[in-house]
Each structure stands twice: as structure tokens, then as C-alpha cells.
Amino acid sequence: MRQERTVQASLFDRFADHEIGRELKAMSQWLDEHREPISLAAEDLRRHGVKETGREGLPAESVVRCALLKQHRQLSYEELAFHLEDSASFRAFARLPLSWTPKKSVLHRTISAIQAKTWEAINRALLASARREKIEAGKVVRFDSTVTAALMDEPSDSPLLRDGCACWRGCCGRLTSLLAVLSGATIGARRRNARARSNMPAID
């Protein structure tokens, strides 16, 4: 059996008097004021094959809060499991039942059961709240990208000059052909390839 949310927070829950602790406390208060996404997450967990009878599972509210912790702090499931056991602030935010320390396999299974449309609903609720509070208009998308190795030249001055001349050489050929068609005469564009090659050692 799985509860939708923790009915009452533990009296022992406390957030550290630190920037991260204060941030988690503000996030927790926002979640307490917006219960709709928790109900959607509970439905996702039920559809994931969790029976309504038997051993009590991690509450749906705790699953959502653990997922937000993982994403917000950029943690792996193993790191999340460690911080939930080690940090009082993390445990207070996650609203874990007393003495519960979920393992990474449990966290992975339950968090991955939450569907994309549920996360979209959470995001829309957050944006609507930010607009009302005049914190964020939601008109700009911010995202992170991952840098990967690629077969590209180092962007130093001389290779850029060489590559630019190669590009210009192709443009010259097309331009000459186009002018010949339009005017019926052969008109050439001046090319600087040789000069660029001779200047590359001096630039380096």
C-alpha cells in the first residue's frame, strides 16, 4: 500500500541554517501549497504495478520530493541515497517516514515511474506561481549542454584564416558561374588562397 502524501511532518525535521537549507525549506513550503502534482504522481505509481495492499511503500509525495532533490542537486541515484541517509535537511525536504532510508534501486524504480506529463504539470504549476509572484515570466528557456570530443580544429587564428579562404574559394566558383549566366561574360573574383597559405606561418 502506498500513501499519497505524508499527513504530518515529523517534529524532528529541521533545515540547516545555510543557503542550501533555506532554499530547500522554501521549495518545501511551495510544494505544501500545491498538492495537485502529488496526486498525478500517485496515479503514475499505481499504474506502474504497485498494489494497494501489502507492505507500505514510499509515499508519492516523498517520491516527487526525492526526484526534485536529485534533479536540483544534479545527483546520481547512489549519491541521492547517501544524502538522504546522511543529511537532516535532505530528509526533512523528502518527508521520509521515520527511520526510512531508501536504497538507490528503490529510488530509481519509483522516480522513473513518474511520467513526463506529470513533470510537465509540475513545471506549469511552478511557472504559473512564478508569474503570479512576478518572479519569472517563463518566456526564456534555459538549458545546459554537455561538451563532447569532436574532430574539429582548434580555433586559432591561422586555421580560421585557412578555412575561411577555402569557403571563399567555393563562393568564388559559384559567383563566377552565376555572373556568367546573367551577363553572358566571364567575370572572375579575386582569390586570396596563396597569400593566405603564405601568411599562416607568420600568424602562428
Protein backbone atom coordinates (compact mmCIF):
# COMPACT_ATOMS: atom_id res chain seq x y z
CA MET A 1 0.00 0.00 0.00
CA ARG A 2 1.28 3.50 -0.81
CA GLN A 3 0.15 6.76 0.77
CA GLU A 4 -0.27 9.79 -1.45
CA ARG A 5 1.45 12.10 0.98
CA THR A 6 2.84 12.30 4.48
CA VAL A 7 -0.08 13.51 6.56
CA GLN A 8 2.07 15.18 9.22
CA ALA A 9 5.71 16.15 9.10
CA SER A 10 7.97 14.85 11.83
CA LEU A 11 8.69 17.16 14.77
CA PHE A 12 12.36 16.30 14.34
CA ASP A 13 12.55 17.59 10.77
CA ARG A 14 14.81 20.61 10.52
CA PHE A 15 16.59 22.52 7.78
CA ALA A 16 20.15 23.74 8.18
CA ASP A 17 20.66 27.48 8.63
CA HIS A 18 22.60 27.60 5.38
CA GLU A 19 21.82 28.91 1.92
CA ILE A 20 21.01 25.40 0.65
CA GLY A 21 18.93 24.63 3.75
CA ARG A 22 16.92 27.83 3.37
CA GLU A 23 16.42 27.11 -0.32
CA LEU A 24 15.12 23.60 0.41
CA LYS A 25 12.78 24.98 3.06
CA ALA A 26 11.30 27.48 0.58
CA MET A 27 10.86 24.71 -2.00
CA SER A 28 9.16 22.52 0.61
CA GLN A 29 6.72 25.28 1.52
CA TRP A 30 5.83 25.74 -2.16
CA LEU A 31 5.13 22.02 -2.52
CA ASP A 32 2.90 22.12 0.57
CA GLU A 33 0.82 24.82 -1.13
CA HIS A 34 0.49 22.90 -4.44
CA ARG A 35 -0.87 19.40 -3.90
CA GLU A 36 -2.20 18.70 -7.40
CA PRO A 37 1.07 17.34 -8.86
CA ILE A 38 1.37 14.90 -5.96
CA SER A 39 -1.98 13.32 -6.92
CA LEU A 40 -0.78 12.90 -10.51
CA ALA A 41 2.42 11.24 -9.31
CA ALA A 42 0.38 8.89 -7.11
CA GLU A 43 -1.62 7.81 -10.17
CA ASP A 44 1.61 7.13 -12.08
CA LEU A 45 2.90 4.95 -9.24
CA ARG A 46 -0.37 2.99 -9.16
CA ARG A 47 -0.23 2.39 -12.91
CA HIS A 48 3.36 1.21 -12.53
CA GLY A 49 2.10 -2.02 -10.98
CA VAL A 50 2.14 -1.12 -7.29
CA LYS A 51 -0.62 -2.97 -5.45
CA GLU A 52 -2.92 -1.23 -2.98
CA THR A 53 -2.41 -3.99 -0.44
CA GLY A 54 0.66 -5.41 1.23
CA ARG A 55 3.72 -3.63 2.61
CA GLU A 56 3.51 0.13 2.75
CA GLY A 57 5.64 1.80 0.10
CA LEU A 58 7.37 5.15 -0.12
CA PRO A 59 4.67 7.88 -0.16
CA ALA A 60 4.08 9.51 -3.54
CA GLU A 61 4.94 12.90 -2.05
CA SER A 62 8.32 11.58 -0.92
CA VAL A 63 8.98 10.14 -4.38
CA VAL A 64 8.34 13.53 -6.02
CA ARG A 65 10.46 15.34 -3.44
CA CYS A 66 13.32 12.86 -3.85
CA ALA A 67 13.15 13.31 -7.63
CA LEU A 68 13.31 17.09 -7.24
CA LEU A 69 16.32 16.73 -4.94
CA LYS A 70 18.08 14.54 -7.47
CA GLN A 71 17.48 16.95 -10.33
CA HIS A 72 18.07 20.15 -8.40
CA ARG A 73 21.38 19.00 -6.89
CA GLN A 74 22.44 17.01 -10.01
CA LEU A 75 22.91 13.75 -8.09
CA SER A 76 23.14 10.14 -9.17
CA TYR A 77 20.77 7.67 -7.51
CA GLU A 78 23.64 6.37 -5.38
CA GLU A 79 24.56 9.90 -4.27
CA LEU A 80 20.90 10.68 -3.57
CA ALA A 81 20.58 7.59 -1.37
CA PHE A 82 23.67 8.66 0.58
CA HIS A 83 22.48 12.24 1.15
CA LEU A 84 19.03 11.07 2.21
CA GLU A 85 20.70 8.95 4.89
CA ASP A 86 23.35 11.49 5.86
CA SER A 87 21.68 14.92 5.64
CA ALA A 88 18.96 16.09 8.01
CA SER A 89 17.96 18.84 5.56
CA PHE A 90 17.54 16.34 2.73
CA ARG A 91 15.46 14.03 4.91
CA ALA A 92 13.29 16.94 6.06
CA PHE A 93 12.68 18.04 2.47
CA ALA A 94 11.94 14.49 1.26
CA ARG A 95 9.42 13.93 4.09
CA LEU A 96 10.72 10.43 4.61
CA PRO A 97 8.88 8.34 7.20
CA LEU A 98 10.81 7.97 10.44
CA SER A 99 13.89 5.70 10.13
CA TRP A 100 13.34 5.11 6.38
CA THR A 101 16.44 5.22 4.21
CA PRO A 102 15.51 4.20 0.64
CA LYS A 103 18.18 2.46 -1.41
CA LYS A 104 19.20 3.56 -4.88
CA SER A 105 17.24 0.71 -6.53
CA VAL A 106 14.02 1.84 -4.81
CA LEU A 107 14.66 5.46 -5.72
CA HIS A 108 15.32 4.54 -9.35
CA ARG A 109 12.23 2.34 -9.64
CA THR A 110 9.82 4.83 -8.09
CA ILE A 111 11.19 8.05 -9.61
CA SER A 112 11.33 6.58 -13.11
CA ALA A 113 7.66 5.60 -12.79
CA ILE A 114 6.60 9.26 -12.85
CA GLN A 115 5.54 10.10 -16.39
CA ALA A 116 6.65 13.06 -18.49
CA LYS A 117 3.17 14.61 -18.47
CA THR A 118 3.27 14.71 -14.67
CA TRP A 119 6.56 16.59 -14.74
CA GLU A 120 5.04 18.95 -17.30
CA ALA A 121 2.13 19.61 -14.95
CA ILE A 122 4.57 20.34 -12.11
CA ASN A 123 6.51 22.71 -14.36
CA ARG A 124 3.34 24.50 -15.46
CA ALA A 125 2.22 24.91 -11.84
CA LEU A 126 5.64 26.33 -10.96
CA LEU A 127 5.57 28.79 -13.87
CA ALA A 128 2.04 29.91 -13.03
CA SER A 129 3.09 30.54 -9.44
CA ALA A 130 6.20 32.45 -10.58
CA ARG A 131 4.08 34.67 -12.84
CA ARG A 132 1.65 35.49 -10.01
CA GLU A 133 4.56 36.38 -7.74
CA LYS A 134 6.22 38.33 -10.60
CA ILE A 135 9.40 36.31 -10.23
CA GLU A 136 9.62 34.75 -13.70
CA ALA A 137 7.60 35.31 -16.86
CA GLY A 138 8.53 31.95 -18.35
CA LYS A 139 9.37 33.39 -21.76
CA VAL A 140 13.04 32.36 -21.77
CA VAL A 141 14.22 28.74 -21.88
CA ARG A 142 17.41 27.90 -20.03
CA PHE A 143 19.23 24.62 -20.56
CA ASP A 144 22.61 23.01 -20.02
CA SER A 145 24.62 21.25 -22.71
CA THR A 146 27.31 18.63 -22.48
CA VAL A 147 30.64 19.17 -24.23
CA THR A 148 31.90 16.14 -26.17
CA ALA A 149 35.05 15.48 -28.16
CA ALA A 150 34.79 16.12 -31.91
CA LEU A 151 37.05 16.09 -34.96
CA MET A 152 37.45 19.87 -35.20
CA ASP A 153 40.47 22.13 -35.49
CA GLU A 154 41.46 24.24 -32.55
CA PRO A 155 40.01 27.71 -33.22
CA SER A 156 43.34 29.54 -33.57
CA ASP A 157 43.85 32.42 -35.99
CA SER A 158 45.73 30.68 -38.81
CA PRO A 159 43.36 27.68 -39.23
CA LEU A 160 40.42 30.07 -39.20
CA LEU A 161 42.08 32.07 -41.99
CA ARG A 162 42.70 28.91 -44.00
CA ASP A 163 39.16 27.60 -43.53
CA GLY A 164 37.74 30.99 -44.40
CA CYS A 165 39.73 31.05 -47.64
CA ALA A 166 38.54 27.56 -48.52
CA CYS A 167 34.96 28.70 -48.02
CA TRP A 168 35.59 31.82 -50.10
CA ARG A 169 37.10 29.67 -52.87
CA GLY A 170 33.83 27.77 -53.15
CA CYS A 171 31.84 31.01 -53.12
CA CYS A 172 34.04 32.45 -55.88
CA GLY A 173 33.38 29.49 -58.16
CA ARG A 174 29.62 29.77 -57.72
CA LEU A 175 29.69 33.55 -58.08
CA THR A 176 31.68 33.35 -61.33
CA SER A 177 29.22 30.85 -62.79
CA LEU A 178 26.24 32.96 -61.74
CA LEU A 179 27.67 36.17 -63.24
CA ALA A 180 28.47 34.36 -66.48
CA VAL A 181 24.87 33.21 -66.77
CA LEU A 182 23.44 36.64 -66.00
CA SER A 183 25.77 38.80 -68.14
CA GLY A 184 26.99 36.33 -70.75
CA ALA A 185 30.57 37.35 -69.94
CA THR A 186 33.31 35.65 -67.98
CA ILE A 187 33.94 37.64 -64.79
CA GLY A 188 36.37 36.35 -62.20
CA ALA A 189 36.51 37.06 -58.49
CA ARG A 190 39.90 37.62 -56.93
CA ARG A 191 41.09 34.71 -54.79
CA ARG A 192 43.48 35.02 -51.86
CA ASN A 193 44.32 31.34 -51.24
CA ALA A 194 48.02 31.56 -52.00
CA ARG A 195 48.51 34.65 -49.88
CA ALA A 196 46.61 33.07 -47.00
CA ARG A 197 48.81 29.95 -47.09
CA SER A 198 51.97 32.06 -47.11
CA ASN A 199 50.75 34.14 -44.17
CA MET A 200 49.79 31.17 -41.96
CA PRO A 201 53.35 30.61 -40.55
CA ALA A 202 53.67 34.31 -39.76
CA ILE A 203 50.38 34.27 -37.82
CA ASP A 204 51.37 31.21 -35.80
